[in-house]
Amino acid sequence: MSNTPHELAEEFPAEAGKISALKETDAHFARLVEEYHTVNRKVHRAETLVEPTSADHEAELRKTRALLKDTIWKRLSA
Protein backbone atom coordinates (compact mmCIF):
# COMPACT_ATOMS: atom_id res chain seq x y z
CA MET A 1 0.00 0.00 0.00
CA SER A 2 1.41 3.34 -1.03
CA ASN A 3 0.48 6.55 0.72
CA THR A 4 1.78 8.72 -2.10
CA PRO A 5 -0.93 10.99 -3.51
CA HIS A 6 -1.91 10.11 -7.07
CA GLU A 7 -2.45 13.58 -8.46
CA LEU A 8 -3.49 13.70 -12.13
CA ALA A 9 -0.55 15.95 -13.07
CA GLU A 10 1.76 13.24 -11.70
CA GLU A 11 -0.21 10.39 -13.29
CA PHE A 12 -0.33 12.08 -16.71
CA PRO A 13 2.53 14.63 -16.73
CA ALA A 14 2.56 14.96 -20.52
CA GLU A 15 -1.14 15.79 -20.47
CA ALA A 16 -1.13 18.48 -17.74
CA GLY A 17 -1.86 21.27 -20.22
CA LYS A 18 -4.63 19.30 -21.88
CA ILE A 19 -6.20 18.51 -18.50
CA SER A 20 -6.23 22.19 -17.62
CA ALA A 21 -7.69 23.19 -21.00
CA LEU A 22 -10.39 20.51 -20.93
CA LYS A 23 -11.42 21.51 -17.42
CA GLU A 24 -12.08 25.00 -18.77
CA THR A 25 -14.04 23.93 -21.85
CA ASP A 26 -15.73 20.64 -20.92
CA ALA A 27 -18.01 20.68 -17.87
CA HIS A 28 -18.31 16.88 -17.80
CA PHE A 29 -14.53 16.48 -17.85
CA ALA A 30 -14.21 19.08 -15.10
CA ARG A 31 -16.67 17.08 -12.95
CA LEU A 32 -14.70 13.88 -13.57
CA VAL A 33 -11.48 15.58 -12.49
CA GLU A 34 -13.10 17.03 -9.37
CA GLU A 35 -14.59 13.65 -8.46
CA TYR A 36 -11.18 12.01 -9.00
CA HIS A 37 -9.53 14.55 -6.69
CA THR A 38 -12.22 14.04 -4.03
CA VAL A 39 -11.84 10.25 -4.09
CA ASN A 40 -8.06 10.50 -4.29
CA ARG A 41 -7.98 12.69 -1.18
CA LYS A 42 -10.19 10.17 0.65
CA VAL A 43 -7.83 7.32 -0.32
CA HIS A 44 -4.80 9.30 0.79
CA ARG A 45 -6.42 10.23 4.11
CA ALA A 46 -7.34 6.58 4.70
CA GLU A 47 -3.83 5.39 3.82
CA THR A 48 -2.18 7.88 6.17
CA LEU A 49 -4.71 7.09 8.92
CA VAL A 50 -5.89 10.69 9.08
CA GLU A 51 -9.37 9.25 8.53
CA PRO A 52 -9.13 5.51 9.20
CA THR A 53 -11.66 3.34 7.43
CA SER A 54 -12.30 -0.33 6.90
CA ALA A 55 -10.16 -2.26 4.46
CA ASP A 56 -13.23 -2.96 2.33
CA HIS A 57 -14.16 0.71 2.13
CA GLU A 58 -10.59 1.69 1.26
CA ALA A 59 -10.52 -0.98 -1.47
CA GLU A 60 -13.80 0.37 -2.86
CA LEU A 61 -12.39 3.90 -2.90
CA ARG A 62 -9.32 2.64 -4.77
CA LYS A 63 -11.54 0.92 -7.37
CA THR A 64 -13.54 4.11 -7.84
CA ARG A 65 -10.32 6.11 -8.24
CA ALA A 66 -9.03 3.64 -10.84
CA LEU A 67 -12.29 3.79 -12.82
CA LEU A 68 -12.23 7.58 -12.79
CA LYS A 69 -8.59 7.61 -13.85
CA ASP A 70 -9.38 5.25 -16.74
CA THR A 71 -12.31 7.43 -17.82
CA ILE A 72 -10.18 10.57 -17.66
CA TRP A 73 -7.44 8.86 -19.69
CA LYS A 74 -9.96 7.85 -22.35
CA ARG A 75 -11.14 11.46 -22.62
CA LEU A 76 -7.55 12.68 -22.84
CA SER A 77 -6.73 10.09 -25.51
CA ALA A 78 -9.75 10.82 -27.68
PDB file of N, CA and C in Angstrom:
ATOM      1  N   MET A   1       0.850  -1.171   0.000  1.00  0.00           N
ATOM      2  CA  MET A   1       0.000   0.000   0.000  1.00  0.00           C
ATOM      3  C   MET A   1       0.893   1.230   0.000  1.00  0.00           C
ATOM      4  N   SER A   2       0.646   2.106  -0.906  1.00  0.00           N
ATOM      5  CA  SER A   2       1.412   3.338  -1.026  1.00  0.00           C
ATOM      6  C   SER A   2       0.585   4.490  -0.470  1.00  0.00           C
ATOM      7  N   ASN A   3       1.227   5.376   0.261  1.00  0.00           N
ATOM      8  CA  ASN A   3       0.480   6.546   0.721  1.00  0.00           C
ATOM      9  C   ASN A   3       0.915   7.803  -0.029  1.00  0.00           C
ATOM     10  N   THR A   4       1.414   7.613  -1.231  1.00  0.00           N
ATOM     11  CA  THR A   4       1.775   8.722  -2.096  1.00  0.00           C
ATOM     12  C   THR A   4       0.529   9.197  -2.828  1.00  0.00           C
ATOM     13  N   PRO A   5       0.242  10.492  -2.772  1.00  0.00           N
ATOM     14  CA  PRO A   5      -0.933  10.988  -3.508  1.00  0.00           C
ATOM     15  C   PRO A   5      -0.800  10.717  -5.002  1.00  0.00           C
ATOM     16  N   HIS A   6      -1.887  10.398  -5.638  1.00  0.00           N
ATOM     17  CA  HIS A   6      -1.914  10.105  -7.067  1.00  0.00           C
ATOM     18  C   HIS A   6      -2.562  11.280  -7.805  1.00  0.00           C
ATOM     19  N   GLU A   7      -1.904  12.415  -7.790  1.00  0.00           N
ATOM     20  CA  GLU A   7      -2.450  13.583  -8.464  1.00  0.00           C
ATOM     21  C   GLU A   7      -2.408  13.373  -9.974  1.00  0.00           C
ATOM     22  N   LEU A   8      -3.403  13.906 -10.673  1.00  0.00           N
ATOM     23  CA  LEU A   8      -3.488  13.705 -12.125  1.00  0.00           C
ATOM     24  C   LEU A   8      -2.265  14.256 -12.856  1.00  0.00           C
ATOM     25  N   ALA A   9      -1.733  15.375 -12.406  1.00  0.00           N
ATOM     26  CA  ALA A   9      -0.551  15.947 -13.066  1.00  0.00           C
ATOM     27  C   ALA A   9       0.650  15.012 -12.939  1.00  0.00           C
ATOM     28  N   GLU A  10       0.684  14.215 -11.875  1.00  0.00           N
ATOM     29  CA  GLU A  10       1.757  13.240 -11.701  1.00  0.00           C
ATOM     30  C   GLU A  10       1.463  11.955 -12.475  1.00  0.00           C
ATOM     31  N   GLU A  11       0.198  11.604 -12.561  1.00  0.00           N
ATOM     32  CA  GLU A  11      -0.207  10.394 -13.286  1.00  0.00           C
ATOM     33  C   GLU A  11      -0.053  10.579 -14.796  1.00  0.00           C
ATOM     34  N   PHE A  12      -0.393  11.777 -15.271  1.00  0.00           N
ATOM     35  CA  PHE A  12      -0.329  12.084 -16.708  1.00  0.00           C
ATOM     36  C   PHE A  12       0.461  13.374 -16.928  1.00  0.00           C
ATOM     37  N   PRO A  13       1.770  13.376 -16.643  1.00  0.00           N
ATOM     38  CA  PRO A  13       2.532  14.627 -16.733  1.00  0.00           C
ATOM     39  C   PRO A  13       2.549  15.247 -18.125  1.00  0.00           C
ATOM     40  N   ALA A  14       2.543  14.426 -19.156  1.00  0.00           N
ATOM     41  CA  ALA A  14       2.563  14.958 -20.521  1.00  0.00           C
ATOM     42  C   ALA A  14       1.231  15.581 -20.915  1.00  0.00           C
ATOM     43  N   GLU A  15       0.196  15.308 -20.137  1.00  0.00           N
ATOM     44  CA  GLU A  15      -1.145  15.790 -20.465  1.00  0.00           C
ATOM     45  C   GLU A  15      -1.612  16.918 -19.549  1.00  0.00           C
ATOM     46  N   ALA A  16      -0.730  17.458 -18.721  1.00  0.00           N
ATOM     47  CA  ALA A  16      -1.129  18.476 -17.741  1.00  0.00           C
ATOM     48  C   ALA A  16      -1.803  19.678 -18.404  1.00  0.00           C
ATOM     49  N   GLY A  17      -1.262  20.139 -19.508  1.00  0.00           N
ATOM     50  CA  GLY A  17      -1.862  21.266 -20.215  1.00  0.00           C
ATOM     51  C   GLY A  17      -3.228  20.927 -20.777  1.00  0.00           C
ATOM     52  N   LYS A  18      -3.351  19.728 -21.314  1.00  0.00           N
ATOM     53  CA  LYS A  18      -4.627  19.299 -21.878  1.00  0.00           C
ATOM     54  C   LYS A  18      -5.679  19.145 -20.779  1.00  0.00           C
ATOM     55  N   ILE A  19      -5.274  18.639 -19.625  1.00  0.00           N
ATOM     56  CA  ILE A  19      -6.199  18.506 -18.498  1.00  0.00           C
ATOM     57  C   ILE A  19      -6.735  19.879 -18.117  1.00  0.00           C
ATOM     58  N   SER A  20      -5.833  20.827 -17.990  1.00  0.00           N
ATOM     59  CA  SER A  20      -6.234  22.188 -17.624  1.00  0.00           C
ATOM     60  C   SER A  20      -7.176  22.791 -18.662  1.00  0.00           C
ATOM     61  N   ALA A  21      -6.850  22.628 -19.935  1.00  0.00           N
ATOM     62  CA  ALA A  21      -7.687  23.189 -21.004  1.00  0.00           C
ATOM     63  C   ALA A  21      -9.061  22.532 -21.039  1.00  0.00           C
ATOM     64  N   LEU A  22      -9.104  21.208 -20.900  1.00  0.00           N
ATOM     65  CA  LEU A  22     -10.392  20.509 -20.933  1.00  0.00           C
ATOM     66  C   LEU A  22     -11.258  20.872 -19.735  1.00  0.00           C
ATOM     67  N   LYS A  23     -10.646  21.101 -18.587  1.00  0.00           N
ATOM     68  CA  LYS A  23     -11.419  21.512 -17.416  1.00  0.00           C
ATOM     69  C   LYS A  23     -12.123  22.835 -17.673  1.00  0.00           C
ATOM     70  N   GLU A  24     -11.503  23.690 -18.465  1.00  0.00           N
ATOM     71  CA  GLU A  24     -12.078  24.998 -18.772  1.00  0.00           C
ATOM     72  C   GLU A  24     -13.194  24.928 -19.810  1.00  0.00           C
ATOM     73  N   THR A  25     -13.106  23.960 -20.716  1.00  0.00           N
ATOM     74  CA  THR A  25     -14.038  23.934 -21.853  1.00  0.00           C
ATOM     75  C   THR A  25     -15.050  22.803 -21.816  1.00  0.00           C
ATOM     76  N   ASP A  26     -14.875  21.826 -20.942  1.00  0.00           N
ATOM     77  CA  ASP A  26     -15.730  20.643 -20.923  1.00  0.00           C
ATOM     78  C   ASP A  26     -16.213  20.406 -19.490  1.00  0.00           C
ATOM     79  N   ALA A  27     -17.465  20.778 -19.230  1.00  0.00           N
ATOM     80  CA  ALA A  27     -18.013  20.683 -17.870  1.00  0.00           C
ATOM     81  C   ALA A  27     -18.012  19.242 -17.357  1.00  0.00           C
ATOM     82  N   HIS A  28     -18.302  18.286 -18.226  1.00  0.00           N
ATOM     83  CA  HIS A  28     -18.313  16.883 -17.797  1.00  0.00           C
ATOM     84  C   HIS A  28     -16.899  16.446 -17.390  1.00  0.00           C
ATOM     85  N   PHE A  29     -15.916  16.806 -18.179  1.00  0.00           N
ATOM     86  CA  PHE A  29     -14.527  16.481 -17.849  1.00  0.00           C
ATOM     87  C   PHE A  29     -14.134  17.133 -16.527  1.00  0.00           C
ATOM     88  N   ALA A  30     -14.520  18.377 -16.341  1.00  0.00           N
ATOM     89  CA  ALA A  30     -14.208  19.083 -15.095  1.00  0.00           C
ATOM     90  C   ALA A  30     -14.809  18.361 -13.894  1.00  0.00           C
ATOM     91  N   ARG A  31     -16.036  17.844 -14.034  1.00  0.00           N
ATOM     92  CA  ARG A  31     -16.672  17.084 -12.948  1.00  0.00           C
ATOM     93  C   ARG A  31     -15.923  15.786 -12.679  1.00  0.00           C
ATOM     94  N   LEU A  32     -15.480  15.110 -13.738  1.00  0.00           N
ATOM     95  CA  LEU A  32     -14.697  13.877 -13.567  1.00  0.00           C
ATOM     96  C   LEU A  32     -13.414  14.157 -12.792  1.00  0.00           C
ATOM     97  N   VAL A  33     -12.730  15.222 -13.158  1.00  0.00           N
ATOM     98  CA  VAL A  33     -11.478  15.578 -12.489  1.00  0.00           C
ATOM     99  C   VAL A  33     -11.742  15.922 -11.027  1.00  0.00           C
ATOM    100  N   GLU A  34     -12.783  16.670 -10.751  1.00  0.00           N
ATOM    101  CA  GLU A  34     -13.102  17.032  -9.374  1.00  0.00           C
ATOM    102  C   GLU A  34     -13.464  15.790  -8.561  1.00  0.00           C
ATOM    103  N   GLU A  35     -14.238  14.888  -9.150  1.00  0.00           N
ATOM    104  CA  GLU A  35     -14.585  13.652  -8.456  1.00  0.00           C
ATOM    105  C   GLU A  35     -13.336  12.810  -8.198  1.00  0.00           C
ATOM    106  N   TYR A  36     -12.441  12.739  -9.190  1.00  0.00           N
ATOM    107  CA  TYR A  36     -11.180  12.013  -9.005  1.00  0.00           C
ATOM    108  C   TYR A  36     -10.415  12.592  -7.822  1.00  0.00           C
ATOM    109  N   HIS A  37     -10.280  13.917  -7.776  1.00  0.00           N
ATOM    110  CA  HIS A  37      -9.533  14.549  -6.692  1.00  0.00           C
ATOM    111  C   HIS A  37     -10.190  14.282  -5.330  1.00  0.00           C
ATOM    112  N   THR A  38     -11.504  14.308  -5.289  1.00  0.00           N
ATOM    113  CA  THR A  38     -12.215  14.041  -4.035  1.00  0.00           C
ATOM    114  C   THR A  38     -11.944  12.620  -3.554  1.00  0.00           C
ATOM    115  N   VAL A  39     -12.079  11.648  -4.459  1.00  0.00           N
ATOM    116  CA  VAL A  39     -11.843  10.251  -4.090  1.00  0.00           C
ATOM    117  C   VAL A  39     -10.364  10.037  -3.763  1.00  0.00           C
ATOM    118  N   ASN A  40      -9.486  10.637  -4.531  1.00  0.00           N
ATOM    119  CA  ASN A  40      -8.057  10.498  -4.293  1.00  0.00           C
ATOM    120  C   ASN A  40      -7.684  11.022  -2.899  1.00  0.00           C
ATOM    121  N   ARG A  41      -8.249  12.153  -2.515  1.00  0.00           N
ATOM    122  CA  ARG A  41      -7.981  12.693  -1.177  1.00  0.00           C
ATOM    123  C   ARG A  41      -8.486  11.731  -0.101  1.00  0.00           C
ATOM    124  N   LYS A  42      -9.656  11.125  -0.323  1.00  0.00           N
ATOM    125  CA  LYS A  42     -10.186  10.165   0.647  1.00  0.00           C
ATOM    126  C   LYS A  42      -9.270   8.957   0.781  1.00  0.00           C
ATOM    127  N   VAL A  43      -8.756   8.463  -0.350  1.00  0.00           N
ATOM    128  CA  VAL A  43      -7.832   7.324  -0.316  1.00  0.00           C
ATOM    129  C   VAL A  43      -6.574   7.715   0.458  1.00  0.00           C
ATOM    130  N   HIS A  44      -6.021   8.856   0.134  1.00  0.00           N
ATOM    131  CA  HIS A  44      -4.795   9.296   0.793  1.00  0.00           C
ATOM    132  C   HIS A  44      -5.006   9.466   2.302  1.00  0.00           C
ATOM    133  N   ARG A  45      -6.132  10.044   2.686  1.00  0.00           N
ATOM    134  CA  ARG A  45      -6.420  10.234   4.108  1.00  0.00           C
ATOM    135  C   ARG A  45      -6.618   8.896   4.809  1.00  0.00           C
ATOM    136  N   ALA A  46      -7.187   7.920   4.121  1.00  0.00           N
ATOM    137  CA  ALA A  46      -7.337   6.582   4.702  1.00  0.00           C
ATOM    138  C   ALA A  46      -5.980   5.903   4.834  1.00  0.00           C
ATOM    139  N   GLU A  47      -5.156   6.022   3.805  1.00  0.00           N
ATOM    140  CA  GLU A  47      -3.825   5.392   3.820  1.00  0.00           C
ATOM    141  C   GLU A  47      -2.933   5.948   4.926  1.00  0.00           C
ATOM    142  N   THR A  48      -3.038   7.232   5.165  1.00  0.00           N
ATOM    143  CA  THR A  48      -2.183   7.876   6.165  1.00  0.00           C
ATOM    144  C   THR A  48      -2.821   7.877   7.554  1.00  0.00           C
ATOM    145  N   LEU A  49      -3.969   7.233   7.654  1.00  0.00           N
ATOM    146  CA  LEU A  49      -4.706   7.087   8.917  1.00  0.00           C
ATOM    147  C   LEU A  49      -5.195   8.412   9.498  1.00  0.00           C
ATOM    148  N   VAL A  50      -5.282   9.432   8.656  1.00  0.00           N
ATOM    149  CA  VAL A  50      -5.893  10.690   9.082  1.00  0.00           C
ATOM    150  C   VAL A  50      -7.387  10.450   9.301  1.00  0.00           C
ATOM    151  N   GLU A  51      -7.981   9.662   8.412  1.00  0.00           N
ATOM    152  CA  GLU A  51      -9.373   9.247   8.529  1.00  0.00           C
ATOM    153  C   GLU A  51      -9.430   7.740   8.317  1.00  0.00           C
ATOM    154  N   PRO A  52      -9.122   6.977   9.344  1.00  0.00           N
ATOM    155  CA  PRO A  52      -9.126   5.515   9.195  1.00  0.00           C
ATOM    156  C   PRO A  52     -10.488   4.998   8.729  1.00  0.00           C
ATOM    157  N   THR A  53     -10.441   3.955   7.940  1.00  0.00           N
ATOM    158  CA  THR A  53     -11.661   3.340   7.431  1.00  0.00           C
ATOM    159  C   THR A  53     -11.427   1.837   7.338  1.00  0.00           C
ATOM    160  N   SER A  54     -12.462   1.116   7.028  1.00  0.00           N
ATOM    161  CA  SER A  54     -12.300  -0.334   6.900  1.00  0.00           C
ATOM    162  C   SER A  54     -11.518  -0.662   5.633  1.00  0.00           C
ATOM    163  N   ALA A  55     -10.916  -1.821   5.634  1.00  0.00           N
ATOM    164  CA  ALA A  55     -10.157  -2.263   4.463  1.00  0.00           C
ATOM    165  C   ALA A  55     -11.063  -2.371   3.242  1.00  0.00           C
ATOM    166  N   ASP A  56     -12.288  -2.837   3.447  1.00  0.00           N
ATOM    167  CA  ASP A  56     -13.230  -2.958   2.331  1.00  0.00           C
ATOM    168  C   ASP A  56     -13.582  -1.595   1.752  1.00  0.00           C
ATOM    169  N   HIS A  57     -13.822  -0.624   2.615  1.00  0.00           N
ATOM    170  CA  HIS A  57     -14.164   0.712   2.128  1.00  0.00           C
ATOM    171  C   HIS A  57     -12.982   1.340   1.398  1.00  0.00           C
ATOM    172  N   GLU A  58     -11.785   1.157   1.933  1.00  0.00           N
ATOM    173  CA  GLU A  58     -10.593   1.692   1.264  1.00  0.00           C
ATOM    174  C   GLU A  58     -10.401   1.035  -0.108  1.00  0.00           C
ATOM    175  N   ALA A  59     -10.639  -0.270  -0.187  1.00  0.00           N
ATOM    176  CA  ALA A  59     -10.525  -0.977  -1.471  1.00  0.00           C
ATOM    177  C   ALA A  59     -11.554  -0.452  -2.461  1.00  0.00           C
ATOM    178  N   GLU A  60     -12.756  -0.174  -1.984  1.00  0.00           N
ATOM    179  CA  GLU A  60     -13.804   0.368  -2.860  1.00  0.00           C
ATOM    180  C   GLU A  60     -13.411   1.766  -3.353  1.00  0.00           C
ATOM    181  N   LEU A  61     -12.857   2.572  -2.483  1.00  0.00           N
ATOM    182  CA  LEU A  61     -12.388   3.900  -2.898  1.00  0.00           C
ATOM    183  C   LEU A  61     -11.300   3.783  -3.960  1.00  0.00           C
ATOM    184  N   ARG A  62     -10.393   2.836  -3.789  1.00  0.00           N
ATOM    185  CA  ARG A  62      -9.321   2.638  -4.774  1.00  0.00           C
ATOM    186  C   ARG A  62      -9.891   2.211  -6.130  1.00  0.00           C
ATOM    187  N   LYS A  63     -10.898   1.350  -6.114  1.00  0.00           N
ATOM    188  CA  LYS A  63     -11.538   0.923  -7.367  1.00  0.00           C
ATOM    189  C   LYS A  63     -12.190   2.113  -8.055  1.00  0.00           C
ATOM    190  N   THR A  64     -12.883   2.919  -7.276  1.00  0.00           N
ATOM    191  CA  THR A  64     -13.538   4.106  -7.837  1.00  0.00           C
ATOM    192  C   THR A  64     -12.501   5.042  -8.441  1.00  0.00           C
ATOM    193  N   ARG A  65     -11.393   5.245  -7.720  1.00  0.00           N
ATOM    194  CA  ARG A  65     -10.324   6.112  -8.238  1.00  0.00           C
ATOM    195  C   ARG A  65      -9.767   5.562  -9.553  1.00  0.00           C
ATOM    196  N   ALA A  66      -9.560   4.254  -9.610  1.00  0.00           N
ATOM    197  CA  ALA A  66      -9.025   3.639 -10.835  1.00  0.00           C
ATOM    198  C   ALA A  66      -9.994   3.799 -12.002  1.00  0.00           C
ATOM    199  N   LEU A  67     -11.286   3.619 -11.756  1.00  0.00           N
ATOM    200  CA  LEU A  67     -12.286   3.792 -12.820  1.00  0.00           C
ATOM    201  C   LEU A  67     -12.313   5.237 -13.320  1.00  0.00           C
ATOM    202  N   LEU A  68     -12.256   6.173 -12.389  1.00  0.00           N
ATOM    203  CA  LEU A  68     -12.233   7.584 -12.786  1.00  0.00           C
ATOM    204  C   LEU A  68     -10.977   7.910 -13.587  1.00  0.00           C
ATOM    205  N   LYS A  69      -9.854   7.385 -13.137  1.00  0.00           N
ATOM    206  CA  LYS A  69      -8.591   7.614 -13.850  1.00  0.00           C
ATOM    207  C   LYS A  69      -8.661   7.044 -15.263  1.00  0.00           C
ATOM    208  N   ASP A  70      -9.223   5.849 -15.410  1.00  0.00           N
ATOM    209  CA  ASP A  70      -9.380   5.252 -16.742  1.00  0.00           C
ATOM    210  C   ASP A  70     -10.288   6.102 -17.623  1.00  0.00           C
ATOM    211  N   THR A  71     -11.370   6.600 -17.056  1.00  0.00           N
ATOM    212  CA  THR A  71     -12.308   7.431 -17.816  1.00  0.00           C
ATOM    213  C   THR A  71     -11.637   8.733 -18.243  1.00  0.00           C
ATOM    214  N   ILE A  72     -10.899   9.329 -17.333  1.00  0.00           N
ATOM    215  CA  ILE A  72     -10.178  10.566 -17.656  1.00  0.00           C
ATOM    216  C   ILE A  72      -9.154  10.304 -18.758  1.00  0.00           C
ATOM    217  N   TRP A  73      -8.434   9.191 -18.664  1.00  0.00           N
ATOM    218  CA  TRP A  73      -7.442   8.864 -19.689  1.00  0.00           C
ATOM    219  C   TRP A  73      -8.108   8.685 -21.053  1.00  0.00           C
ATOM    220  N   LYS A  74      -9.246   8.038 -21.084  1.00  0.00           N
ATOM    221  CA  LYS A  74      -9.957   7.852 -22.350  1.00  0.00           C
ATOM    222  C   LYS A  74     -10.337   9.196 -22.960  1.00  0.00           C
ATOM    223  N   ARG A  75     -10.778  10.131 -22.121  1.00  0.00           N
ATOM    224  CA  ARG A  75     -11.137  11.455 -22.625  1.00  0.00           C
ATOM    225  C   ARG A  75      -9.888  12.197 -23.112  1.00  0.00           C
ATOM    226  N   LEU A  76      -8.787  12.023 -22.419  1.00  0.00           N
ATOM    227  CA  LEU A  76      -7.548  12.678 -22.845  1.00  0.00           C
ATOM    228  C   LEU A  76      -7.016  12.081 -24.145  1.00  0.00           C
ATOM    229  N   SER A  77      -7.249  10.803 -24.341  1.00  0.00           N
ATOM    230  CA  SER A  77      -6.726  10.091 -25.513  1.00  0.00           C
ATOM    231  C   SER A  77      -7.591  10.258 -26.747  1.00  0.00           C
ATOM    232  N   ALA A  78      -8.804  10.725 -26.557  1.00  0.00           N
ATOM    233  CA  ALA A  78      -9.752  10.820 -27.684  1.00  0.00           C
ATOM    234  C   ALA A  78      -9.317  11.862 -28.691  1.00  0.00           C
TER     235      ALA A  78
END
